[in-house]
Amino acid sequence: MRGLDSCALHFEGCRVSARDLLGGGVGRGDVQRAGALAIARLGVAATAVGLAQAAFEAALRYAQQRTTFGKPIAQHQAIQLALADMATAVTAARLLTADAAGEPLDAIRGAMAKVYASEAAYTVTLDSMRVHGGYGYTSEFPVERYYRDAARLASSPMPNTVERRELARALTATSRAAGSRETRG
C-alpha cells in the first residue's frame, strides 16, 4: 500500500575490526556520519520533490477532466489558485534541492532543502487530495498514497523540528563567526 517503505535495522553481537570502522578508528566516524546525513537529507528532499510533482500533475489532470456546472473544475478560481500554489511550491522545492546538491555538499542548504521540500510535499499532496474531492481519499487515485508517503518524509532521517534546531545552531554560529570577523576587521 505504501510507495515509501522503511524499517529499523539492528545488529546484535556484530563485531567490526578497527580497520573497517567509519573514519578508520574508534570515535572518528563523525565526518562520515555528517556526510551520510547530508546525502540522506538530499535524498529525502529529492523524494519529496518527486512526490509533490506527481501530486501536482495528478491534480492538474483531474482538474482538467472533471466538470461541474458545465465546465472543467480547472476553470474555477479556487482550483486555479490551489494549482498555482502547488506549482510554486514544487518549483521552489526543486530549486532549493538542486542548489543544496551542488559541490561541495552544504549541510545548511541540505537541511533547508529537506525541511522545505518535505513540508511542501505534505502541503501539495494534501491540496491535490482536496482538488480530487472525495476521490482524493480513496485508493482509486494515487494521491492518497502520495499524501501518506509525504507525511513520513518530515521525520526522515530526523524530524523537521530537530532539523530546524540544528539549522538554527549552524546559522547563528556562522553569523557569530562572521560578526566577530567584522568587529576585528
N, C-alpha and C. Protein backbone atom coordinates (compact mmCIF):
# COMPACT_ATOMS: atom_id res chain seq x y z
N MET A 1 0.81 -1.20 0.00
CA MET A 1 0.00 0.00 0.00
C MET A 1 0.85 1.27 0.00
N ARG A 2 2.08 1.19 0.44
CA ARG A 2 2.90 2.39 0.53
C ARG A 2 3.96 2.38 -0.57
N GLY A 3 4.26 3.56 -1.06
CA GLY A 3 5.33 3.70 -2.04
C GLY A 3 6.68 3.82 -1.36
N LEU A 4 6.71 4.38 -0.16
CA LEU A 4 7.95 4.53 0.60
C LEU A 4 7.91 3.57 1.77
N ASP A 5 8.87 2.71 1.84
CA ASP A 5 8.90 1.73 2.91
C ASP A 5 10.13 1.98 3.77
N SER A 6 10.02 1.77 5.04
CA SER A 6 11.17 1.91 5.93
C SER A 6 11.07 0.87 7.03
N CYS A 7 12.20 0.61 7.65
CA CYS A 7 12.21 -0.35 8.76
C CYS A 7 13.43 -0.07 9.62
N ALA A 8 13.41 -0.60 10.82
CA ALA A 8 14.55 -0.49 11.72
C ALA A 8 15.51 -1.64 11.42
N LEU A 9 16.78 -1.38 11.58
CA LEU A 9 17.80 -2.39 11.34
C LEU A 9 18.69 -2.43 12.58
N HIS A 10 18.78 -3.59 13.20
CA HIS A 10 19.58 -3.74 14.43
C HIS A 10 20.60 -4.85 14.23
N PHE A 11 21.81 -4.60 14.72
CA PHE A 11 22.85 -5.62 14.71
C PHE A 11 23.18 -5.96 16.16
N GLU A 12 23.06 -7.22 16.51
CA GLU A 12 23.40 -7.66 17.86
C GLU A 12 24.58 -8.61 17.78
N GLY A 13 25.55 -8.36 18.63
CA GLY A 13 26.72 -9.22 18.66
C GLY A 13 27.60 -9.10 17.43
N CYS A 14 27.46 -8.04 16.70
CA CYS A 14 28.23 -7.83 15.48
C CYS A 14 29.57 -7.19 15.84
N ARG A 15 30.65 -7.76 15.36
CA ARG A 15 31.98 -7.21 15.64
C ARG A 15 32.55 -6.64 14.35
N VAL A 16 33.16 -5.48 14.48
CA VAL A 16 33.77 -4.79 13.34
C VAL A 16 35.23 -4.56 13.67
N SER A 17 36.11 -4.94 12.77
CA SER A 17 37.54 -4.74 13.02
C SER A 17 37.86 -3.25 12.98
N ALA A 18 38.93 -2.85 13.63
CA ALA A 18 39.32 -1.44 13.72
C ALA A 18 39.52 -0.84 12.33
N ARG A 19 40.06 -1.60 11.41
CA ARG A 19 40.31 -1.04 10.07
C ARG A 19 39.03 -0.83 9.28
N ASP A 20 37.94 -1.50 9.68
CA ASP A 20 36.66 -1.38 8.98
C ASP A 20 35.72 -0.36 9.61
N LEU A 21 36.14 0.28 10.67
CA LEU A 21 35.30 1.30 11.32
C LEU A 21 35.25 2.56 10.48
N LEU A 22 34.11 3.24 10.50
CA LEU A 22 34.00 4.53 9.82
C LEU A 22 35.04 5.47 10.39
N GLY A 23 35.75 6.18 9.54
CA GLY A 23 36.76 7.12 9.99
C GLY A 23 38.08 6.47 10.30
N GLY A 24 38.15 5.14 10.22
CA GLY A 24 39.40 4.44 10.43
C GLY A 24 39.73 4.11 11.87
N GLY A 25 38.85 4.41 12.79
CA GLY A 25 39.13 4.08 14.19
C GLY A 25 37.98 4.48 15.09
N VAL A 26 38.05 4.03 16.33
CA VAL A 26 37.01 4.33 17.30
C VAL A 26 36.92 5.83 17.52
N GLY A 27 35.69 6.36 17.48
CA GLY A 27 35.46 7.78 17.74
C GLY A 27 35.81 8.71 16.60
N ARG A 28 36.07 8.18 15.42
CA ARG A 28 36.46 9.04 14.30
C ARG A 28 35.48 8.98 13.13
N GLY A 29 34.25 8.57 13.40
CA GLY A 29 33.26 8.42 12.33
C GLY A 29 32.35 9.62 12.13
N ASP A 30 32.56 10.70 12.90
CA ASP A 30 31.67 11.86 12.80
C ASP A 30 31.66 12.49 11.41
N VAL A 31 32.82 12.54 10.77
CA VAL A 31 32.87 13.14 9.43
C VAL A 31 32.04 12.32 8.45
N GLN A 32 32.18 10.99 8.52
CA GLN A 32 31.39 10.13 7.63
C GLN A 32 29.91 10.20 7.97
N ARG A 33 29.60 10.26 9.27
CA ARG A 33 28.20 10.36 9.68
C ARG A 33 27.59 11.65 9.15
N ALA A 34 28.34 12.74 9.27
CA ALA A 34 27.84 14.03 8.77
C ALA A 34 27.64 13.98 7.26
N GLY A 35 28.58 13.35 6.56
CA GLY A 35 28.44 13.22 5.11
C GLY A 35 27.26 12.36 4.72
N ALA A 36 27.06 11.26 5.45
CA ALA A 36 25.91 10.38 5.18
C ALA A 36 24.61 11.11 5.47
N LEU A 37 24.58 11.90 6.53
CA LEU A 37 23.37 12.66 6.87
C LEU A 37 23.07 13.70 5.80
N ALA A 38 24.10 14.35 5.28
CA ALA A 38 23.90 15.34 4.21
C ALA A 38 23.31 14.67 2.97
N ILE A 39 23.82 13.49 2.64
CA ILE A 39 23.30 12.76 1.48
C ILE A 39 21.87 12.30 1.74
N ALA A 40 21.60 11.83 2.95
CA ALA A 40 20.24 11.38 3.30
C ALA A 40 19.25 12.54 3.21
N ARG A 41 19.66 13.71 3.68
CA ARG A 41 18.78 14.89 3.59
C ARG A 41 18.45 15.20 2.14
N LEU A 42 19.46 15.15 1.29
CA LEU A 42 19.21 15.41 -0.14
C LEU A 42 18.30 14.35 -0.75
N GLY A 43 18.49 13.11 -0.35
CA GLY A 43 17.62 12.04 -0.84
C GLY A 43 16.17 12.27 -0.44
N VAL A 44 15.96 12.67 0.80
CA VAL A 44 14.60 12.96 1.27
C VAL A 44 14.03 14.15 0.51
N ALA A 45 14.84 15.20 0.33
CA ALA A 45 14.37 16.39 -0.39
C ALA A 45 14.00 16.03 -1.82
N ALA A 46 14.84 15.26 -2.49
CA ALA A 46 14.55 14.87 -3.88
C ALA A 46 13.30 13.99 -3.96
N THR A 47 13.15 13.08 -3.02
CA THR A 47 11.94 12.25 -2.97
C THR A 47 10.71 13.11 -2.77
N ALA A 48 10.82 14.09 -1.88
CA ALA A 48 9.70 15.00 -1.61
C ALA A 48 9.33 15.79 -2.86
N VAL A 49 10.34 16.25 -3.59
CA VAL A 49 10.07 16.98 -4.83
C VAL A 49 9.33 16.09 -5.82
N GLY A 50 9.77 14.84 -5.96
CA GLY A 50 9.10 13.91 -6.86
C GLY A 50 7.66 13.63 -6.46
N LEU A 51 7.43 13.44 -5.17
CA LEU A 51 6.06 13.22 -4.68
C LEU A 51 5.19 14.44 -4.94
N ALA A 52 5.72 15.61 -4.63
CA ALA A 52 4.95 16.84 -4.84
C ALA A 52 4.64 17.04 -6.32
N GLN A 53 5.62 16.77 -7.18
CA GLN A 53 5.40 16.91 -8.63
C GLN A 53 4.31 15.95 -9.10
N ALA A 54 4.37 14.70 -8.66
CA ALA A 54 3.36 13.71 -9.05
C ALA A 54 1.98 14.12 -8.56
N ALA A 55 1.90 14.62 -7.33
CA ALA A 55 0.61 15.05 -6.78
C ALA A 55 0.07 16.25 -7.54
N PHE A 56 0.95 17.19 -7.88
CA PHE A 56 0.52 18.36 -8.65
C PHE A 56 0.00 17.93 -10.02
N GLU A 57 0.75 17.08 -10.71
CA GLU A 57 0.33 16.63 -12.04
C GLU A 57 -1.00 15.89 -11.98
N ALA A 58 -1.20 15.08 -10.94
CA ALA A 58 -2.47 14.37 -10.79
C ALA A 58 -3.61 15.35 -10.57
N ALA A 59 -3.38 16.38 -9.76
CA ALA A 59 -4.41 17.39 -9.51
C ALA A 59 -4.73 18.16 -10.78
N LEU A 60 -3.71 18.53 -11.53
CA LEU A 60 -3.92 19.27 -12.77
C LEU A 60 -4.72 18.44 -13.77
N ARG A 61 -4.32 17.19 -13.95
CA ARG A 61 -5.05 16.29 -14.87
C ARG A 61 -6.51 16.15 -14.45
N TYR A 62 -6.72 15.88 -13.17
CA TYR A 62 -8.08 15.70 -12.67
C TYR A 62 -8.89 16.98 -12.86
N ALA A 63 -8.29 18.12 -12.55
CA ALA A 63 -9.00 19.40 -12.66
C ALA A 63 -9.37 19.71 -14.11
N GLN A 64 -8.57 19.25 -15.06
CA GLN A 64 -8.88 19.49 -16.47
C GLN A 64 -9.95 18.53 -16.99
N GLN A 65 -10.09 17.37 -16.35
CA GLN A 65 -11.05 16.36 -16.82
C GLN A 65 -12.39 16.43 -16.09
N ARG A 66 -12.38 16.74 -14.82
CA ARG A 66 -13.60 16.75 -14.00
C ARG A 66 -14.40 18.01 -14.29
N THR A 67 -15.68 17.85 -14.55
CA THR A 67 -16.52 19.01 -14.83
C THR A 67 -17.59 19.19 -13.76
N THR A 68 -17.87 20.45 -13.47
CA THR A 68 -19.00 20.82 -12.62
C THR A 68 -19.61 22.08 -13.22
N PHE A 69 -20.90 22.18 -13.13
CA PHE A 69 -21.62 23.33 -13.68
C PHE A 69 -21.26 23.58 -15.14
N GLY A 70 -21.04 22.49 -15.88
CA GLY A 70 -20.81 22.57 -17.31
C GLY A 70 -19.41 22.96 -17.74
N LYS A 71 -18.45 23.01 -16.82
CA LYS A 71 -17.08 23.36 -17.23
C LYS A 71 -16.08 22.61 -16.34
N PRO A 72 -14.85 22.42 -16.86
CA PRO A 72 -13.83 21.74 -16.05
C PRO A 72 -13.58 22.52 -14.75
N ILE A 73 -13.33 21.79 -13.67
CA ILE A 73 -13.09 22.48 -12.40
C ILE A 73 -11.82 23.32 -12.45
N ALA A 74 -10.95 23.06 -13.42
CA ALA A 74 -9.74 23.87 -13.60
C ALA A 74 -10.08 25.31 -13.96
N GLN A 75 -11.31 25.56 -14.38
CA GLN A 75 -11.72 26.93 -14.72
C GLN A 75 -12.30 27.67 -13.52
N HIS A 76 -12.44 27.00 -12.39
CA HIS A 76 -12.94 27.66 -11.18
C HIS A 76 -11.76 28.31 -10.46
N GLN A 77 -11.98 29.52 -9.99
CA GLN A 77 -10.89 30.29 -9.40
C GLN A 77 -10.24 29.59 -8.20
N ALA A 78 -11.00 28.99 -7.34
CA ALA A 78 -10.43 28.33 -6.16
C ALA A 78 -9.46 27.22 -6.57
N ILE A 79 -9.82 26.46 -7.59
CA ILE A 79 -8.95 25.39 -8.08
C ILE A 79 -7.72 25.99 -8.74
N GLN A 80 -7.91 27.05 -9.53
CA GLN A 80 -6.77 27.70 -10.18
C GLN A 80 -5.76 28.21 -9.15
N LEU A 81 -6.25 28.82 -8.07
CA LEU A 81 -5.36 29.33 -7.04
C LEU A 81 -4.61 28.19 -6.35
N ALA A 82 -5.31 27.10 -6.09
CA ALA A 82 -4.65 25.93 -5.47
C ALA A 82 -3.57 25.37 -6.39
N LEU A 83 -3.88 25.25 -7.68
CA LEU A 83 -2.90 24.75 -8.64
C LEU A 83 -1.69 25.67 -8.74
N ALA A 84 -1.94 26.98 -8.72
CA ALA A 84 -0.83 27.94 -8.77
C ALA A 84 0.07 27.80 -7.54
N ASP A 85 -0.53 27.66 -6.37
CA ASP A 85 0.25 27.48 -5.14
C ASP A 85 1.04 26.18 -5.18
N MET A 86 0.42 25.12 -5.68
CA MET A 86 1.12 23.83 -5.77
C MET A 86 2.31 23.92 -6.71
N ALA A 87 2.10 24.52 -7.89
CA ALA A 87 3.19 24.64 -8.86
C ALA A 87 4.33 25.48 -8.29
N THR A 88 4.00 26.53 -7.57
CA THR A 88 5.03 27.38 -6.96
C THR A 88 5.82 26.61 -5.91
N ALA A 89 5.14 25.87 -5.07
CA ALA A 89 5.81 25.10 -4.01
C ALA A 89 6.72 24.02 -4.61
N VAL A 90 6.25 23.34 -5.65
CA VAL A 90 7.06 22.30 -6.29
C VAL A 90 8.32 22.92 -6.89
N THR A 91 8.15 24.03 -7.59
CA THR A 91 9.30 24.68 -8.23
C THR A 91 10.30 25.18 -7.19
N ALA A 92 9.82 25.81 -6.13
CA ALA A 92 10.71 26.30 -5.08
C ALA A 92 11.46 25.14 -4.42
N ALA A 93 10.77 24.06 -4.14
CA ALA A 93 11.41 22.89 -3.52
C ALA A 93 12.45 22.30 -4.45
N ARG A 94 12.13 22.22 -5.74
CA ARG A 94 13.08 21.67 -6.71
C ARG A 94 14.34 22.53 -6.79
N LEU A 95 14.16 23.84 -6.86
CA LEU A 95 15.31 24.74 -6.97
C LEU A 95 16.17 24.71 -5.71
N LEU A 96 15.55 24.70 -4.55
CA LEU A 96 16.29 24.65 -3.29
C LEU A 96 17.05 23.32 -3.18
N THR A 97 16.44 22.24 -3.60
CA THR A 97 17.09 20.94 -3.56
C THR A 97 18.25 20.88 -4.55
N ALA A 98 18.06 21.39 -5.75
CA ALA A 98 19.14 21.41 -6.73
C ALA A 98 20.30 22.27 -6.24
N ASP A 99 20.00 23.39 -5.61
CA ASP A 99 21.04 24.25 -5.06
C ASP A 99 21.82 23.52 -3.97
N ALA A 100 21.12 22.80 -3.10
CA ALA A 100 21.78 22.09 -2.00
C ALA A 100 22.63 20.93 -2.51
N ALA A 101 22.31 20.41 -3.68
CA ALA A 101 23.04 19.27 -4.23
C ALA A 101 24.34 19.67 -4.91
N GLY A 102 24.65 20.96 -4.93
CA GLY A 102 25.88 21.42 -5.56
C GLY A 102 27.11 20.95 -4.82
N GLU A 103 28.25 21.13 -5.44
CA GLU A 103 29.52 20.75 -4.81
C GLU A 103 30.14 21.97 -4.17
N PRO A 104 30.71 21.87 -3.00
CA PRO A 104 30.61 20.72 -2.11
C PRO A 104 29.25 20.70 -1.43
N LEU A 105 28.90 19.54 -0.88
CA LEU A 105 27.63 19.46 -0.15
C LEU A 105 27.66 20.41 1.03
N ASP A 106 26.60 21.17 1.19
CA ASP A 106 26.49 22.16 2.26
C ASP A 106 25.41 21.70 3.23
N ALA A 107 25.81 21.43 4.48
CA ALA A 107 24.86 20.90 5.47
C ALA A 107 23.71 21.87 5.72
N ILE A 108 23.99 23.16 5.72
CA ILE A 108 22.94 24.15 5.98
C ILE A 108 21.92 24.14 4.85
N ARG A 109 22.40 24.22 3.62
CA ARG A 109 21.47 24.22 2.48
C ARG A 109 20.75 22.88 2.36
N GLY A 110 21.43 21.79 2.69
CA GLY A 110 20.79 20.48 2.66
C GLY A 110 19.66 20.37 3.66
N ALA A 111 19.88 20.89 4.86
CA ALA A 111 18.83 20.87 5.88
C ALA A 111 17.66 21.75 5.45
N MET A 112 17.97 22.92 4.88
CA MET A 112 16.90 23.80 4.39
C MET A 112 16.08 23.10 3.32
N ALA A 113 16.76 22.46 2.39
CA ALA A 113 16.06 21.77 1.29
C ALA A 113 15.20 20.64 1.83
N LYS A 114 15.72 19.86 2.77
CA LYS A 114 14.96 18.74 3.33
C LYS A 114 13.72 19.24 4.04
N VAL A 115 13.87 20.26 4.89
CA VAL A 115 12.73 20.78 5.64
C VAL A 115 11.69 21.37 4.69
N TYR A 116 12.14 22.24 3.78
CA TYR A 116 11.18 22.91 2.89
C TYR A 116 10.51 21.90 1.95
N ALA A 117 11.30 21.05 1.32
CA ALA A 117 10.73 20.12 0.33
C ALA A 117 9.78 19.12 0.99
N SER A 118 10.13 18.62 2.18
CA SER A 118 9.23 17.65 2.83
C SER A 118 7.92 18.30 3.24
N GLU A 119 7.98 19.54 3.70
CA GLU A 119 6.75 20.23 4.08
C GLU A 119 5.96 20.66 2.85
N ALA A 120 6.65 21.02 1.78
CA ALA A 120 5.96 21.34 0.53
C ALA A 120 5.26 20.10 -0.02
N ALA A 121 5.91 18.96 0.06
CA ALA A 121 5.28 17.72 -0.42
C ALA A 121 4.02 17.41 0.37
N TYR A 122 4.08 17.60 1.66
CA TYR A 122 2.91 17.35 2.51
C TYR A 122 1.76 18.28 2.11
N THR A 123 2.06 19.56 1.95
CA THR A 123 1.03 20.54 1.59
C THR A 123 0.48 20.29 0.19
N VAL A 124 1.36 20.03 -0.76
CA VAL A 124 0.93 19.81 -2.15
C VAL A 124 0.09 18.53 -2.26
N THR A 125 0.50 17.48 -1.58
CA THR A 125 -0.29 16.24 -1.66
C THR A 125 -1.66 16.41 -1.00
N LEU A 126 -1.71 17.14 0.10
CA LEU A 126 -3.00 17.42 0.75
C LEU A 126 -3.88 18.26 -0.17
N ASP A 127 -3.31 19.29 -0.79
CA ASP A 127 -4.08 20.12 -1.72
C ASP A 127 -4.55 19.31 -2.93
N SER A 128 -3.72 18.39 -3.38
CA SER A 128 -4.10 17.54 -4.50
C SER A 128 -5.29 16.66 -4.12
N MET A 129 -5.28 16.14 -2.90
CA MET A 129 -6.42 15.35 -2.42
C MET A 129 -7.68 16.22 -2.41
N ARG A 130 -7.54 17.46 -1.99
CA ARG A 130 -8.69 18.36 -1.93
C ARG A 130 -9.22 18.67 -3.33
N VAL A 131 -8.33 18.84 -4.30
CA VAL A 131 -8.76 19.07 -5.68
C VAL A 131 -9.56 17.86 -6.17
N HIS A 132 -9.14 16.68 -5.77
CA HIS A 132 -9.84 15.45 -6.16
C HIS A 132 -11.16 15.26 -5.42
N GLY A 133 -11.41 16.08 -4.42
CA GLY A 133 -12.64 15.94 -3.64
C GLY A 133 -12.64 14.61 -2.90
N GLY A 134 -13.78 13.99 -2.79
CA GLY A 134 -13.90 12.72 -2.08
C GLY A 134 -13.04 11.62 -2.68
N TYR A 135 -12.81 11.68 -4.00
CA TYR A 135 -11.98 10.67 -4.65
C TYR A 135 -10.53 10.73 -4.16
N GLY A 136 -10.09 11.87 -3.70
CA GLY A 136 -8.72 12.02 -3.23
C GLY A 136 -8.41 11.19 -2.00
N TYR A 137 -9.45 10.76 -1.30
CA TYR A 137 -9.27 9.99 -0.07
C TYR A 137 -9.42 8.49 -0.30
N THR A 138 -9.61 8.10 -1.54
CA THR A 138 -9.79 6.68 -1.86
C THR A 138 -8.54 6.15 -2.56
N SER A 139 -8.39 4.84 -2.55
CA SER A 139 -7.23 4.25 -3.23
C SER A 139 -7.45 4.17 -4.74
N GLU A 140 -8.59 4.64 -5.21
CA GLU A 140 -8.86 4.67 -6.65
C GLU A 140 -7.90 5.62 -7.37
N PHE A 141 -7.44 6.65 -6.66
CA PHE A 141 -6.49 7.62 -7.21
C PHE A 141 -5.22 7.57 -6.37
N PRO A 142 -4.05 7.78 -6.99
CA PRO A 142 -2.79 7.63 -6.25
C PRO A 142 -2.50 8.74 -5.24
N VAL A 143 -3.27 9.81 -5.25
CA VAL A 143 -2.91 10.94 -4.38
C VAL A 143 -3.02 10.61 -2.90
N GLU A 144 -3.88 9.69 -2.52
CA GLU A 144 -3.96 9.35 -1.10
C GLU A 144 -2.68 8.65 -0.64
N ARG A 145 -2.06 7.87 -1.50
CA ARG A 145 -0.78 7.23 -1.17
C ARG A 145 0.32 8.28 -1.14
N TYR A 146 0.30 9.21 -2.09
CA TYR A 146 1.30 10.29 -2.07
C TYR A 146 1.24 11.04 -0.74
N TYR A 147 0.03 11.30 -0.29
CA TYR A 147 -0.15 12.03 0.97
C TYR A 147 0.43 11.24 2.15
N ARG A 148 0.13 9.96 2.22
CA ARG A 148 0.66 9.14 3.32
C ARG A 148 2.18 9.08 3.28
N ASP A 149 2.73 8.96 2.07
CA ASP A 149 4.19 8.93 1.95
C ASP A 149 4.80 10.28 2.32
N ALA A 150 4.18 11.35 1.88
CA ALA A 150 4.71 12.69 2.18
C ALA A 150 4.72 12.95 3.68
N ALA A 151 3.72 12.45 4.38
CA ALA A 151 3.65 12.66 5.83
C ALA A 151 4.85 12.05 6.54
N ARG A 152 5.42 11.01 5.99
CA ARG A 152 6.57 10.35 6.62
C ARG A 152 7.89 11.07 6.36
N LEU A 153 7.96 11.86 5.31
CA LEU A 153 9.23 12.49 4.95
C LEU A 153 9.70 13.52 5.96
N ALA A 154 8.77 14.17 6.64
CA ALA A 154 9.16 15.22 7.59
C ALA A 154 9.91 14.66 8.79
N SER A 155 9.92 13.36 8.97
CA SER A 155 10.64 12.78 10.11
C SER A 155 11.81 11.91 9.70
N SER A 156 12.22 12.00 8.45
CA SER A 156 13.32 11.18 7.97
C SER A 156 14.42 12.07 7.39
N PRO A 157 15.68 11.92 7.66
CA PRO A 157 16.25 10.99 8.62
C PRO A 157 16.08 11.42 10.07
N MET A 158 15.66 12.67 10.29
CA MET A 158 15.32 13.12 11.64
C MET A 158 14.16 14.09 11.52
N PRO A 159 13.39 14.28 12.57
CA PRO A 159 12.21 15.17 12.49
C PRO A 159 12.59 16.60 12.11
N ASN A 160 11.70 17.26 11.39
CA ASN A 160 11.97 18.64 10.95
C ASN A 160 12.21 19.59 12.12
N THR A 161 11.61 19.34 13.28
CA THR A 161 11.88 20.21 14.43
C THR A 161 13.34 20.10 14.84
N VAL A 162 13.90 18.91 14.80
CA VAL A 162 15.32 18.72 15.12
C VAL A 162 16.17 19.35 14.02
N GLU A 163 15.77 19.16 12.77
CA GLU A 163 16.49 19.78 11.64
C GLU A 163 16.54 21.30 11.82
N ARG A 164 15.41 21.88 12.22
CA ARG A 164 15.35 23.34 12.41
C ARG A 164 16.28 23.79 13.54
N ARG A 165 16.30 23.03 14.64
CA ARG A 165 17.19 23.39 15.75
C ARG A 165 18.65 23.34 15.30
N GLU A 166 19.03 22.28 14.60
CA GLU A 166 20.41 22.17 14.12
C GLU A 166 20.72 23.26 13.10
N LEU A 167 19.75 23.55 12.26
CA LEU A 167 19.91 24.61 11.27
C LEU A 167 20.10 25.96 11.97
N ALA A 168 19.29 26.23 12.97
CA ALA A 168 19.40 27.49 13.72
C ALA A 168 20.76 27.59 14.41
N ARG A 169 21.22 26.49 15.01
CA ARG A 169 22.55 26.50 15.65
C ARG A 169 23.64 26.81 14.64
N ALA A 170 23.56 26.16 13.48
CA ALA A 170 24.58 26.39 12.45
C ALA A 170 24.53 27.82 11.93
N LEU A 171 23.32 28.33 11.72
CA LEU A 171 23.19 29.70 11.22
C LEU A 171 23.69 30.72 12.23
N THR A 172 23.36 30.54 13.49
CA THR A 172 23.80 31.50 14.50
C THR A 172 25.29 31.38 14.75
N ALA A 173 25.85 30.19 14.66
CA ALA A 173 27.30 30.03 14.79
C ALA A 173 28.01 30.70 13.63
N THR A 174 27.45 30.57 12.43
CA THR A 174 28.03 31.21 11.25
C THR A 174 27.96 32.72 11.38
N SER A 175 26.81 33.23 11.82
CA SER A 175 26.68 34.69 11.93
C SER A 175 27.53 35.23 13.08
N ARG A 176 27.70 34.47 14.17
CA ARG A 176 28.59 34.90 15.26
C ARG A 176 30.02 34.98 14.75
N ALA A 177 30.43 33.96 13.99
CA ALA A 177 31.79 33.96 13.46
C ALA A 177 31.99 35.12 12.49
N ALA A 178 30.99 35.37 11.64
CA ALA A 178 31.08 36.48 10.70
C ALA A 178 31.10 37.81 11.45
N GLY A 179 30.29 37.91 12.49
CA GLY A 179 30.24 39.14 13.29
C GLY A 179 31.55 39.40 13.99
N SER A 180 32.21 38.36 14.50
CA SER A 180 33.48 38.57 15.18
C SER A 180 34.56 38.97 14.19
N ARG A 181 34.49 38.48 12.95
CA ARG A 181 35.46 38.90 11.93
C ARG A 181 35.23 40.36 11.57
N GLU A 182 33.95 40.77 11.50
CA GLU A 182 33.65 42.16 11.14
C GLU A 182 34.14 43.13 12.21
N THR A 183 34.02 42.76 13.48
CA THR A 183 34.44 43.68 14.55
C THR A 183 35.95 43.77 14.62
N ARG A 184 36.66 42.73 14.19
CA ARG A 184 38.12 42.78 14.20
C ARG A 184 38.63 43.54 13.00
N GLY A 185 37.89 43.49 11.90
CA GLY A 185 38.33 43.96 10.61
C GLY A 185 38.59 45.37 10.51
